[in-house]
Amino acid sequence: MSENNDLQLMGQSPVFQGLNQQQLERVLERAHVKHFAAGTLIIRQGDPALACYILTQGYAKLTQVTPD
């Protein structure tokens, strides 16, 4: 994926709405592309929030364990 496509995807995300081109470029400079195989656990409930993931392709299933 090219940097221009990455910027376009980021600009469409509600997380980054309101950022201008230069600000998006600064965020992208710090970004890392990761690929996960189907069925891979990406994050576990209770883990510290050390990263922000933006899903650009595929699907993710989110589940949460509650006392009920």
N, C-alpha and C. Protein backbone atom coordinates (compact mmCIF):
# COMPACT_ATOMS: atom_id res chain seq x y z
N MET A 1 0.86 -1.18 0.00
CA MET A 1 0.00 0.00 0.00
C MET A 1 0.90 1.23 0.00
N SER A 2 0.57 2.20 -0.81
CA SER A 2 1.39 3.40 -0.89
C SER A 2 1.06 4.37 0.23
N GLU A 3 1.99 5.29 0.47
CA GLU A 3 1.78 6.28 1.52
C GLU A 3 0.56 7.14 1.23
N ASN A 4 0.32 7.46 -0.05
CA ASN A 4 -0.83 8.26 -0.42
C ASN A 4 -2.13 7.54 -0.07
N ASN A 5 -2.19 6.22 -0.34
CA ASN A 5 -3.38 5.43 0.02
C ASN A 5 -3.55 5.38 1.53
N ASP A 6 -2.45 5.24 2.26
CA ASP A 6 -2.51 5.21 3.72
C ASP A 6 -3.07 6.52 4.26
N LEU A 7 -2.62 7.63 3.69
CA LEU A 7 -3.12 8.94 4.12
C LEU A 7 -4.61 9.07 3.84
N GLN A 8 -5.03 8.59 2.70
CA GLN A 8 -6.44 8.65 2.33
C GLN A 8 -7.28 7.82 3.30
N LEU A 9 -6.82 6.61 3.62
CA LEU A 9 -7.54 5.75 4.57
C LEU A 9 -7.61 6.41 5.95
N MET A 10 -6.50 6.96 6.39
CA MET A 10 -6.47 7.61 7.70
C MET A 10 -7.42 8.80 7.74
N GLY A 11 -7.44 9.56 6.68
CA GLY A 11 -8.31 10.73 6.61
C GLY A 11 -9.78 10.38 6.66
N GLN A 12 -10.13 9.15 6.27
CA GLN A 12 -11.51 8.70 6.29
C GLN A 12 -11.92 8.15 7.65
N SER A 13 -10.96 7.86 8.50
CA SER A 13 -11.25 7.31 9.82
C SER A 13 -11.76 8.39 10.77
N PRO A 14 -12.84 8.11 11.50
CA PRO A 14 -13.34 9.09 12.47
C PRO A 14 -12.29 9.48 13.51
N VAL A 15 -11.36 8.58 13.77
CA VAL A 15 -10.31 8.86 14.76
C VAL A 15 -9.47 10.06 14.33
N PHE A 16 -9.25 10.21 13.04
CA PHE A 16 -8.36 11.25 12.54
C PHE A 16 -9.09 12.40 11.84
N GLN A 17 -10.43 12.41 11.92
CA GLN A 17 -11.17 13.51 11.31
C GLN A 17 -10.73 14.84 11.91
N GLY A 18 -10.63 15.83 11.08
CA GLY A 18 -10.24 17.15 11.54
C GLY A 18 -8.76 17.42 11.42
N LEU A 19 -7.95 16.39 11.16
CA LEU A 19 -6.52 16.62 10.97
C LEU A 19 -6.26 17.04 9.54
N ASN A 20 -5.35 17.97 9.37
CA ASN A 20 -4.99 18.39 8.01
C ASN A 20 -3.93 17.44 7.43
N GLN A 21 -3.57 17.65 6.19
CA GLN A 21 -2.63 16.77 5.47
C GLN A 21 -1.30 16.64 6.23
N GLN A 22 -0.76 17.74 6.70
CA GLN A 22 0.53 17.71 7.41
C GLN A 22 0.42 16.90 8.71
N GLN A 23 -0.66 17.07 9.42
CA GLN A 23 -0.86 16.33 10.67
C GLN A 23 -1.01 14.84 10.40
N LEU A 24 -1.76 14.49 9.34
CA LEU A 24 -1.89 13.09 8.97
C LEU A 24 -0.54 12.48 8.60
N GLU A 25 0.28 13.23 7.89
CA GLU A 25 1.61 12.75 7.51
C GLU A 25 2.46 12.50 8.75
N ARG A 26 2.36 13.35 9.75
CA ARG A 26 3.12 13.17 10.99
C ARG A 26 2.68 11.90 11.73
N VAL A 27 1.39 11.64 11.73
CA VAL A 27 0.89 10.42 12.36
C VAL A 27 1.39 9.21 11.59
N LEU A 28 1.32 9.26 10.26
CA LEU A 28 1.73 8.14 9.42
C LEU A 28 3.22 7.83 9.58
N GLU A 29 4.03 8.85 9.83
CA GLU A 29 5.47 8.64 10.04
C GLU A 29 5.72 7.71 11.23
N ARG A 30 4.83 7.72 12.19
CA ARG A 30 4.98 6.90 13.40
C ARG A 30 4.23 5.58 13.31
N ALA A 31 3.48 5.39 12.24
CA ALA A 31 2.64 4.20 12.09
C ALA A 31 3.46 2.98 11.67
N HIS A 32 2.95 1.82 12.01
CA HIS A 32 3.54 0.55 11.61
C HIS A 32 2.43 -0.31 11.03
N VAL A 33 2.67 -0.88 9.87
CA VAL A 33 1.69 -1.77 9.25
C VAL A 33 1.91 -3.17 9.83
N LYS A 34 0.81 -3.77 10.27
CA LYS A 34 0.87 -5.14 10.78
C LYS A 34 -0.18 -5.96 10.08
N HIS A 35 0.16 -7.19 9.78
CA HIS A 35 -0.76 -8.14 9.16
C HIS A 35 -1.01 -9.25 10.17
N PHE A 36 -2.27 -9.64 10.33
CA PHE A 36 -2.63 -10.70 11.26
C PHE A 36 -3.34 -11.81 10.50
N ALA A 37 -2.97 -13.03 10.79
CA ALA A 37 -3.63 -14.18 10.19
C ALA A 37 -5.01 -14.34 10.82
N ALA A 38 -5.90 -14.97 10.10
CA ALA A 38 -7.25 -15.23 10.62
C ALA A 38 -7.14 -15.98 11.94
N GLY A 39 -7.95 -15.56 12.90
CA GLY A 39 -7.98 -16.21 14.20
C GLY A 39 -6.94 -15.72 15.19
N THR A 40 -6.11 -14.77 14.79
CA THR A 40 -5.08 -14.25 15.67
C THR A 40 -5.69 -13.34 16.73
N LEU A 41 -5.28 -13.52 17.98
CA LEU A 41 -5.70 -12.64 19.06
C LEU A 41 -4.84 -11.38 18.98
N ILE A 42 -5.47 -10.24 18.83
CA ILE A 42 -4.74 -8.98 18.66
C ILE A 42 -4.52 -8.29 19.99
N ILE A 43 -5.54 -8.25 20.81
CA ILE A 43 -5.44 -7.60 22.12
C ILE A 43 -6.38 -8.31 23.07
N ARG A 44 -6.01 -8.34 24.34
CA ARG A 44 -6.78 -9.03 25.35
C ARG A 44 -7.36 -8.02 26.34
N GLN A 45 -8.58 -8.26 26.77
CA GLN A 45 -9.23 -7.38 27.74
C GLN A 45 -8.31 -7.22 28.96
N GLY A 46 -8.12 -5.97 29.38
CA GLY A 46 -7.29 -5.68 30.54
C GLY A 46 -5.85 -5.33 30.18
N ASP A 47 -5.44 -5.58 28.94
CA ASP A 47 -4.09 -5.19 28.51
C ASP A 47 -3.98 -3.67 28.54
N PRO A 48 -2.80 -3.13 28.85
CA PRO A 48 -2.64 -1.68 28.79
C PRO A 48 -2.79 -1.18 27.35
N ALA A 49 -3.34 0.01 27.20
CA ALA A 49 -3.54 0.60 25.86
C ALA A 49 -2.24 1.24 25.41
N LEU A 50 -1.43 0.48 24.70
CA LEU A 50 -0.13 0.96 24.23
C LEU A 50 -0.12 1.29 22.75
N ALA A 51 -1.22 0.98 22.06
CA ALA A 51 -1.27 1.22 20.62
C ALA A 51 -2.71 1.49 20.20
N CYS A 52 -2.82 2.06 19.01
CA CYS A 52 -4.12 2.30 18.39
C CYS A 52 -4.11 1.52 17.07
N TYR A 53 -5.07 0.64 16.90
CA TYR A 53 -5.15 -0.15 15.68
C TYR A 53 -6.24 0.40 14.78
N ILE A 54 -5.92 0.55 13.51
CA ILE A 54 -6.89 0.96 12.49
C ILE A 54 -6.99 -0.20 11.50
N LEU A 55 -8.16 -0.81 11.42
CA LEU A 55 -8.39 -1.93 10.53
C LEU A 55 -8.67 -1.39 9.13
N THR A 56 -7.84 -1.76 8.17
CA THR A 56 -8.01 -1.26 6.80
C THR A 56 -8.53 -2.33 5.86
N GLN A 57 -8.40 -3.59 6.23
CA GLN A 57 -8.90 -4.69 5.40
C GLN A 57 -9.35 -5.81 6.31
N GLY A 58 -10.33 -6.54 5.86
CA GLY A 58 -10.77 -7.72 6.59
C GLY A 58 -11.76 -7.38 7.69
N TYR A 59 -11.87 -8.30 8.64
CA TYR A 59 -12.85 -8.18 9.71
C TYR A 59 -12.18 -8.52 11.04
N ALA A 60 -12.71 -7.95 12.10
CA ALA A 60 -12.25 -8.28 13.45
C ALA A 60 -13.48 -8.56 14.30
N LYS A 61 -13.34 -9.48 15.21
CA LYS A 61 -14.42 -9.81 16.14
C LYS A 61 -14.01 -9.28 17.52
N LEU A 62 -14.89 -8.50 18.11
CA LEU A 62 -14.64 -7.93 19.43
C LEU A 62 -15.57 -8.58 20.44
N THR A 63 -15.00 -9.13 21.49
CA THR A 63 -15.81 -9.70 22.56
C THR A 63 -15.34 -9.11 23.88
N GLN A 64 -16.24 -9.07 24.85
CA GLN A 64 -15.90 -8.54 26.15
C GLN A 64 -16.52 -9.44 27.22
N VAL A 65 -15.71 -9.78 28.20
CA VAL A 65 -16.17 -10.61 29.30
C VAL A 65 -16.74 -9.69 30.37
N THR A 66 -17.95 -9.99 30.83
CA THR A 66 -18.59 -9.20 31.88
C THR A 66 -18.98 -10.12 33.03
N PRO A 67 -19.25 -9.55 34.20
CA PRO A 67 -19.67 -10.39 35.34
C PRO A 67 -20.94 -11.19 35.05
N ASP A 68 -21.78 -10.71 34.14
CA ASP A 68 -23.01 -11.42 33.80
C ASP A 68 -22.71 -12.54 32.83
